[in-house]
Amino acid sequence: MSSDRVTLKIPRPLYERLGQVIEGTGFRSVNEFVVYVLRDIMAETDETPTALTPREVELLRERLHNLGYL
């Protein structure tokens, strides 16, 4: 059976911090918040990238680092 969703594993301390971050917001779950953030990052470009430039990779790493992923 095929699904349109996959599982993404993140460290538990990060998950718990994100849970605290979304308290009192309209987000119903950490998963919903993470999907929102990732869609926002991907929407910054008008085109669907076929390959990221070195600068785009650098910017993506910086954003992921600032979000606590790296």
PDB file of N, CA and C in Angstrom:
ATOM      1  N   MET A   1       0.838  -1.169   0.000  1.00  0.00           N
ATOM      2  CA  MET A   1       0.000   0.000   0.000  1.00  0.00           C
ATOM      3  C   MET A   1       0.890   1.242   0.000  1.00  0.00           C
ATOM      4  N   SER A   2       0.615   2.173  -0.885  1.00  0.00           N
ATOM      5  CA  SER A   2       1.417   3.380  -1.028  1.00  0.00           C
ATOM      6  C   SER A   2       0.797   4.524  -0.227  1.00  0.00           C
ATOM      7  N   SER A   3       1.651   5.381   0.312  1.00  0.00           N
ATOM      8  CA  SER A   3       1.188   6.522   1.082  1.00  0.00           C
ATOM      9  C   SER A   3       1.822   7.786   0.537  1.00  0.00           C
ATOM     10  N   ASP A   4       1.128   8.917   0.703  1.00  0.00           N
ATOM     11  CA  ASP A   4       1.685  10.174   0.236  1.00  0.00           C
ATOM     12  C   ASP A   4       2.470  10.875   1.342  1.00  0.00           C
ATOM     13  N   ARG A   5       2.747  10.182   2.426  1.00  0.00           N
ATOM     14  CA  ARG A   5       3.502  10.737   3.550  1.00  0.00           C
ATOM     15  C   ARG A   5       4.675   9.823   3.886  1.00  0.00           C
ATOM     16  N   VAL A   6       5.707  10.431   4.454  1.00  0.00           N
ATOM     17  CA  VAL A   6       6.861   9.673   4.933  1.00  0.00           C
ATOM     18  C   VAL A   6       7.157  10.107   6.359  1.00  0.00           C
ATOM     19  N   THR A   7       7.956   9.327   7.037  1.00  0.00           N
ATOM     20  CA  THR A   7       8.361   9.646   8.398  1.00  0.00           C
ATOM     21  C   THR A   7       9.714  10.329   8.363  1.00  0.00           C
ATOM     22  N   LEU A   8       9.823  11.434   9.093  1.00  0.00           N
ATOM     23  CA  LEU A   8      11.077  12.163   9.218  1.00  0.00           C
ATOM     24  C   LEU A   8      11.471  12.119  10.680  1.00  0.00           C
ATOM     25  N   LYS A   9      12.648  11.600  10.967  1.00  0.00           N
ATOM     26  CA  LYS A   9      13.077  11.476  12.348  1.00  0.00           C
ATOM     27  C   LYS A   9      13.924  12.691  12.730  1.00  0.00           C
ATOM     28  N   ILE A  10      13.593  13.280  13.896  1.00  0.00           N
ATOM     29  CA  ILE A  10      14.369  14.382  14.440  1.00  0.00           C
ATOM     30  C   ILE A  10      14.703  14.052  15.886  1.00  0.00           C
ATOM     31  N   PRO A  11      15.752  14.657  16.421  1.00  0.00           N
ATOM     32  CA  PRO A  11      16.102  14.374  17.816  1.00  0.00           C
ATOM     33  C   PRO A  11      14.964  14.764  18.771  1.00  0.00           C
ATOM     34  N   ARG A  12      14.738  13.934  19.782  1.00  0.00           N
ATOM     35  CA  ARG A  12      13.657  14.175  20.743  1.00  0.00           C
ATOM     36  C   ARG A  12      13.774  15.536  21.429  1.00  0.00           C
ATOM     37  N   PRO A  13      14.984  15.979  21.849  1.00  0.00           N
ATOM     38  CA  PRO A  13      15.063  17.304  22.472  1.00  0.00           C
ATOM     39  C   PRO A  13      14.572  18.421  21.541  1.00  0.00           C
ATOM     40  N   LEU A  14      14.876  18.307  20.258  1.00  0.00           N
ATOM     41  CA  LEU A  14      14.397  19.301  19.294  1.00  0.00           C
ATOM     42  C   LEU A  14      12.877  19.225  19.181  1.00  0.00           C
ATOM     43  N   TYR A  15      12.345  18.023  19.113  1.00  0.00           N
ATOM     44  CA  TYR A  15      10.897  17.838  19.042  1.00  0.00           C
ATOM     45  C   TYR A  15      10.211  18.482  20.246  1.00  0.00           C
ATOM     46  N   GLU A  16      10.781  18.265  21.415  1.00  0.00           N
ATOM     47  CA  GLU A  16      10.190  18.828  22.629  1.00  0.00           C
ATOM     48  C   GLU A  16      10.291  20.350  22.645  1.00  0.00           C
ATOM     49  N   ARG A  17      11.415  20.899  22.171  1.00  0.00           N
ATOM     50  CA  ARG A  17      11.556  22.359  22.087  1.00  0.00           C
ATOM     51  C   ARG A  17      10.531  22.937  21.127  1.00  0.00           C
ATOM     52  N   LEU A  18      10.342  22.271  19.994  1.00  0.00           N
ATOM     53  CA  LEU A  18       9.355  22.747  19.027  1.00  0.00           C
ATOM     54  C   LEU A  18       7.952  22.694  19.620  1.00  0.00           C
ATOM     55  N   GLY A  19       7.690  21.678  20.417  1.00  0.00           N
ATOM     56  CA  GLY A  19       6.397  21.594  21.091  1.00  0.00           C
ATOM     57  C   GLY A  19       6.159  22.801  21.983  1.00  0.00           C
ATOM     58  N   GLN A  20       7.207  23.254  22.666  1.00  0.00           N
ATOM     59  CA  GLN A  20       7.092  24.441  23.504  1.00  0.00           C
ATOM     60  C   GLN A  20       6.899  25.695  22.654  1.00  0.00           C
ATOM     61  N   VAL A  21       7.599  25.753  21.518  1.00  0.00           N
ATOM     62  CA  VAL A  21       7.515  26.914  20.633  1.00  0.00           C
ATOM     63  C   VAL A  21       6.096  27.106  20.109  1.00  0.00           C
ATOM     64  N   ILE A  22       5.398  26.019  19.802  1.00  0.00           N
ATOM     65  CA  ILE A  22       4.073  26.148  19.187  1.00  0.00           C
ATOM     66  C   ILE A  22       2.946  26.299  20.194  1.00  0.00           C
ATOM     67  N   GLU A  23       3.251  26.202  21.488  1.00  0.00           N
ATOM     68  CA  GLU A  23       2.198  26.386  22.494  1.00  0.00           C
ATOM     69  C   GLU A  23       1.553  27.759  22.327  1.00  0.00           C
ATOM     70  N   GLY A  24       0.241  27.783  22.307  1.00  0.00           N
ATOM     71  CA  GLY A  24      -0.479  29.042  22.187  1.00  0.00           C
ATOM     72  C   GLY A  24      -0.586  29.569  20.768  1.00  0.00           C
ATOM     73  N   THR A  25      -0.097  28.802  19.800  1.00  0.00           N
ATOM     74  CA  THR A  25      -0.217  29.197  18.402  1.00  0.00           C
ATOM     75  C   THR A  25      -1.353  28.399  17.770  1.00  0.00           C
ATOM     76  N   GLY A  26      -1.582  28.590  16.515  1.00  0.00           N
ATOM     77  CA  GLY A  26      -2.625  27.850  15.816  1.00  0.00           C
ATOM     78  C   GLY A  26      -2.189  26.466  15.364  1.00  0.00           C
ATOM     79  N   PHE A  27      -0.918  26.120  15.596  1.00  0.00           N
ATOM     80  CA  PHE A  27      -0.441  24.807  15.165  1.00  0.00           C
ATOM     81  C   PHE A  27      -0.932  23.738  16.124  1.00  0.00           C
ATOM     82  N   ARG A  28      -1.484  22.671  15.559  1.00  0.00           N
ATOM     83  CA  ARG A  28      -2.033  21.594  16.381  1.00  0.00           C
ATOM     84  C   ARG A  28      -0.998  20.555  16.773  1.00  0.00           C
ATOM     85  N   SER A  29       0.136  20.538  16.068  1.00  0.00           N
ATOM     86  CA  SER A  29       1.164  19.537  16.362  1.00  0.00           C
ATOM     87  C   SER A  29       2.514  20.022  15.865  1.00  0.00           C
ATOM     88  N   VAL A  30       3.560  19.392  16.374  1.00  0.00           N
ATOM     89  CA  VAL A  30       4.917  19.695  15.905  1.00  0.00           C
ATOM     90  C   VAL A  30       5.015  19.354  14.421  1.00  0.00           C
ATOM     91  N   ASN A  31       4.427  18.245  14.025  1.00  0.00           N
ATOM     92  CA  ASN A  31       4.465  17.841  12.624  1.00  0.00           C
ATOM     93  C   ASN A  31       3.872  18.932  11.726  1.00  0.00           C
ATOM     94  N   GLU A  32       2.732  19.467  12.110  1.00  0.00           N
ATOM     95  CA  GLU A  32       2.086  20.512  11.319  1.00  0.00           C
ATOM     96  C   GLU A  32       3.001  21.741  11.204  1.00  0.00           C
ATOM     97  N   PHE A  33       3.667  22.105  12.300  1.00  0.00           N
ATOM     98  CA  PHE A  33       4.575  23.249  12.303  1.00  0.00           C
ATOM     99  C   PHE A  33       5.777  22.998  11.394  1.00  0.00           C
ATOM    100  N   VAL A  34       6.377  21.822  11.493  1.00  0.00           N
ATOM    101  CA  VAL A  34       7.553  21.498  10.683  1.00  0.00           C
ATOM    102  C   VAL A  34       7.198  21.510   9.197  1.00  0.00           C
ATOM    103  N   VAL A  35       6.053  20.957   8.838  1.00  0.00           N
ATOM    104  CA  VAL A  35       5.619  20.981   7.443  1.00  0.00           C
ATOM    105  C   VAL A  35       5.446  22.420   6.969  1.00  0.00           C
ATOM    106  N   TYR A  36       4.862  23.267   7.809  1.00  0.00           N
ATOM    107  CA  TYR A  36       4.676  24.679   7.478  1.00  0.00           C
ATOM    108  C   TYR A  36       6.020  25.366   7.225  1.00  0.00           C
ATOM    109  N   VAL A  37       6.982  25.137   8.119  1.00  0.00           N
ATOM    110  CA  VAL A  37       8.300  25.770   7.986  1.00  0.00           C
ATOM    111  C   VAL A  37       8.998  25.298   6.711  1.00  0.00           C
ATOM    112  N   LEU A  38       8.959  24.003   6.458  1.00  0.00           N
ATOM    113  CA  LEU A  38       9.618  23.479   5.259  1.00  0.00           C
ATOM    114  C   LEU A  38       8.952  23.984   3.980  1.00  0.00           C
ATOM    115  N   ARG A  39       7.633  24.063   3.976  1.00  0.00           N
ATOM    116  CA  ARG A  39       6.945  24.614   2.799  1.00  0.00           C
ATOM    117  C   ARG A  39       7.315  26.073   2.598  1.00  0.00           C
ATOM    118  N   ASP A  40       7.440  26.819   3.693  1.00  0.00           N
ATOM    119  CA  ASP A  40       7.820  28.230   3.621  1.00  0.00           C
ATOM    120  C   ASP A  40       9.214  28.382   3.019  1.00  0.00           C
ATOM    121  N   ILE A  41      10.130  27.546   3.450  1.00  0.00           N
ATOM    122  CA  ILE A  41      11.486  27.589   2.899  1.00  0.00           C
ATOM    123  C   ILE A  41      11.462  27.297   1.407  1.00  0.00           C
ATOM    124  N   MET A  42      10.705  26.298   1.009  1.00  0.00           N
ATOM    125  CA  MET A  42      10.663  25.904  -0.401  1.00  0.00           C
ATOM    126  C   MET A  42       9.928  26.924  -1.260  1.00  0.00           C
ATOM    127  N   ALA A  43       9.016  27.680  -0.674  1.00  0.00           N
ATOM    128  CA  ALA A  43       8.227  28.650  -1.431  1.00  0.00           C
ATOM    129  C   ALA A  43       8.986  29.942  -1.702  1.00  0.00           C
ATOM    130  N   GLU A  44      10.166  30.098  -1.127  1.00  0.00           N
ATOM    131  CA  GLU A  44      10.928  31.326  -1.318  1.00  0.00           C
ATOM    132  C   GLU A  44      11.395  31.503  -2.759  1.00  0.00           C
ATOM    133  N   THR A  45      11.333  30.469  -3.514  1.00  0.00           N
ATOM    134  CA  THR A  45      11.703  30.567  -4.919  1.00  0.00           C
ATOM    135  C   THR A  45      10.457  30.377  -5.771  1.00  0.00           C
ATOM    136  N   ASP A  46      10.366  31.079  -6.864  1.00  0.00           N
ATOM    137  CA  ASP A  46       9.204  30.967  -7.757  1.00  0.00           C
ATOM    138  C   ASP A  46       9.249  29.698  -8.578  1.00  0.00           C
ATOM    139  N   GLU A  47      10.431  29.144  -8.759  1.00  0.00           N
ATOM    140  CA  GLU A  47      10.593  27.962  -9.596  1.00  0.00           C
ATOM    141  C   GLU A  47      10.885  26.756  -8.714  1.00  0.00           C
ATOM    142  N   THR A  48      10.539  25.600  -9.219  1.00  0.00           N
ATOM    143  CA  THR A  48      10.946  24.369  -8.556  1.00  0.00           C
ATOM    144  C   THR A  48      12.387  24.108  -8.957  1.00  0.00           C
ATOM    145  N   PRO A  49      13.295  24.114  -8.000  1.00  0.00           N
ATOM    146  CA  PRO A  49      14.703  23.951  -8.360  1.00  0.00           C
ATOM    147  C   PRO A  49      14.996  22.535  -8.835  1.00  0.00           C
ATOM    148  N   THR A  50      15.794  22.451  -9.887  1.00  0.00           N
ATOM    149  CA  THR A  50      16.235  21.142 -10.340  1.00  0.00           C
ATOM    150  C   THR A  50      17.535  20.786  -9.636  1.00  0.00           C
ATOM    151  N   ALA A  51      18.308  21.788  -9.300  1.00  0.00           N
ATOM    152  CA  ALA A  51      19.533  21.606  -8.534  1.00  0.00           C
ATOM    153  C   ALA A  51      19.792  22.895  -7.764  1.00  0.00           C
ATOM    154  N   LEU A  52      20.275  22.750  -6.564  1.00  0.00           N
ATOM    155  CA  LEU A  52      20.562  23.918  -5.754  1.00  0.00           C
ATOM    156  C   LEU A  52      21.954  24.448  -6.075  1.00  0.00           C
ATOM    157  N   THR A  53      22.066  25.759  -6.100  1.00  0.00           N
ATOM    158  CA  THR A  53      23.383  26.372  -6.283  1.00  0.00           C
ATOM    159  C   THR A  53      24.143  26.249  -4.965  1.00  0.00           C
ATOM    160  N   PRO A  54      25.452  26.387  -5.011  1.00  0.00           N
ATOM    161  CA  PRO A  54      26.215  26.345  -3.753  1.00  0.00           C
ATOM    162  C   PRO A  54      25.720  27.390  -2.743  1.00  0.00           C
ATOM    163  N   ARG A  55      25.338  28.570  -3.218  1.00  0.00           N
ATOM    164  CA  ARG A  55      24.830  29.623  -2.324  1.00  0.00           C
ATOM    165  C   ARG A  55      23.502  29.197  -1.699  1.00  0.00           C
ATOM    166  N   GLU A  56      22.615  28.564  -2.474  1.00  0.00           N
ATOM    167  CA  GLU A  56      21.338  28.087  -1.945  1.00  0.00           C
ATOM    168  C   GLU A  56      21.556  27.012  -0.883  1.00  0.00           C
ATOM    169  N   VAL A  57      22.513  26.138  -1.106  1.00  0.00           N
ATOM    170  CA  VAL A  57      22.836  25.102  -0.129  1.00  0.00           C
ATOM    171  C   VAL A  57      23.325  25.758   1.160  1.00  0.00           C
ATOM    172  N   GLU A  58      24.177  26.769   1.020  1.00  0.00           N
ATOM    173  CA  GLU A  58      24.691  27.488   2.192  1.00  0.00           C
ATOM    174  C   GLU A  58      23.550  28.148   2.967  1.00  0.00           C
ATOM    175  N   LEU A  59      22.638  28.817   2.263  1.00  0.00           N
ATOM    176  CA  LEU A  59      21.512  29.471   2.913  1.00  0.00           C
ATOM    177  C   LEU A  59      20.596  28.462   3.597  1.00  0.00           C
ATOM    178  N   LEU A  60      20.347  27.336   2.949  1.00  0.00           N
ATOM    179  CA  LEU A  60      19.511  26.295   3.530  1.00  0.00           C
ATOM    180  C   LEU A  60      20.146  25.731   4.793  1.00  0.00           C
ATOM    181  N   ARG A  61      21.453  25.505   4.757  1.00  0.00           N
ATOM    182  CA  ARG A  61      22.150  25.007   5.948  1.00  0.00           C
ATOM    183  C   ARG A  61      22.064  26.021   7.093  1.00  0.00           C
ATOM    184  N   GLU A  62      22.213  27.310   6.769  1.00  0.00           N
ATOM    185  CA  GLU A  62      22.116  28.349   7.793  1.00  0.00           C
ATOM    186  C   GLU A  62      20.727  28.349   8.431  1.00  0.00           C
ATOM    187  N   ARG A  63      19.702  28.250   7.608  1.00  0.00           N
ATOM    188  CA  ARG A  63      18.325  28.254   8.139  1.00  0.00           C
ATOM    189  C   ARG A  63      18.061  27.022   8.987  1.00  0.00           C
ATOM    190  N   LEU A  64      18.527  25.859   8.530  1.00  0.00           N
ATOM    191  CA  LEU A  64      18.333  24.631   9.306  1.00  0.00           C
ATOM    192  C   LEU A  64      19.097  24.715  10.624  1.00  0.00           C
ATOM    193  N   HIS A  65      20.293  25.309  10.575  1.00  0.00           N
ATOM    194  CA  HIS A  65      21.071  25.489  11.798  1.00  0.00           C
ATOM    195  C   HIS A  65      20.315  26.417  12.759  1.00  0.00           C
ATOM    196  N   ASN A  66      19.798  27.521  12.258  1.00  0.00           N
ATOM    197  CA  ASN A  66      19.066  28.469  13.091  1.00  0.00           C
ATOM    198  C   ASN A  66      17.795  27.857  13.676  1.00  0.00           C
ATOM    199  N   LEU A  67      17.233  26.890  12.981  1.00  0.00           N
ATOM    200  CA  LEU A  67      16.036  26.206  13.484  1.00  0.00           C
ATOM    201  C   LEU A  67      16.381  25.069  14.445  1.00  0.00           C
ATOM    202  N   GLY A  68      17.693  24.793  14.585  1.00  0.00           N
ATOM    203  CA  GLY A  68      18.120  23.758  15.517  1.00  0.00           C
ATOM    204  C   GLY A  68      18.289  22.382  14.917  1.00  0.00           C
ATOM    205  N   TYR A  69      18.221  22.264  13.590  1.00  0.00           N
ATOM    206  CA  TYR A  69      18.348  20.960  12.942  1.00  0.00           C
ATOM    207  C   TYR A  69      19.799  20.557  12.748  1.00  0.00           C
ATOM    208  N   LEU A  70      20.679  21.523  12.617  1.00  0.00           N
ATOM    209  CA  LEU A  70      22.099  21.202  12.404  1.00  0.00           C
ATOM    210  C   LEU A  70      22.942  21.781  13.508  1.00  0.00           C
TER     211      LEU A  70
END
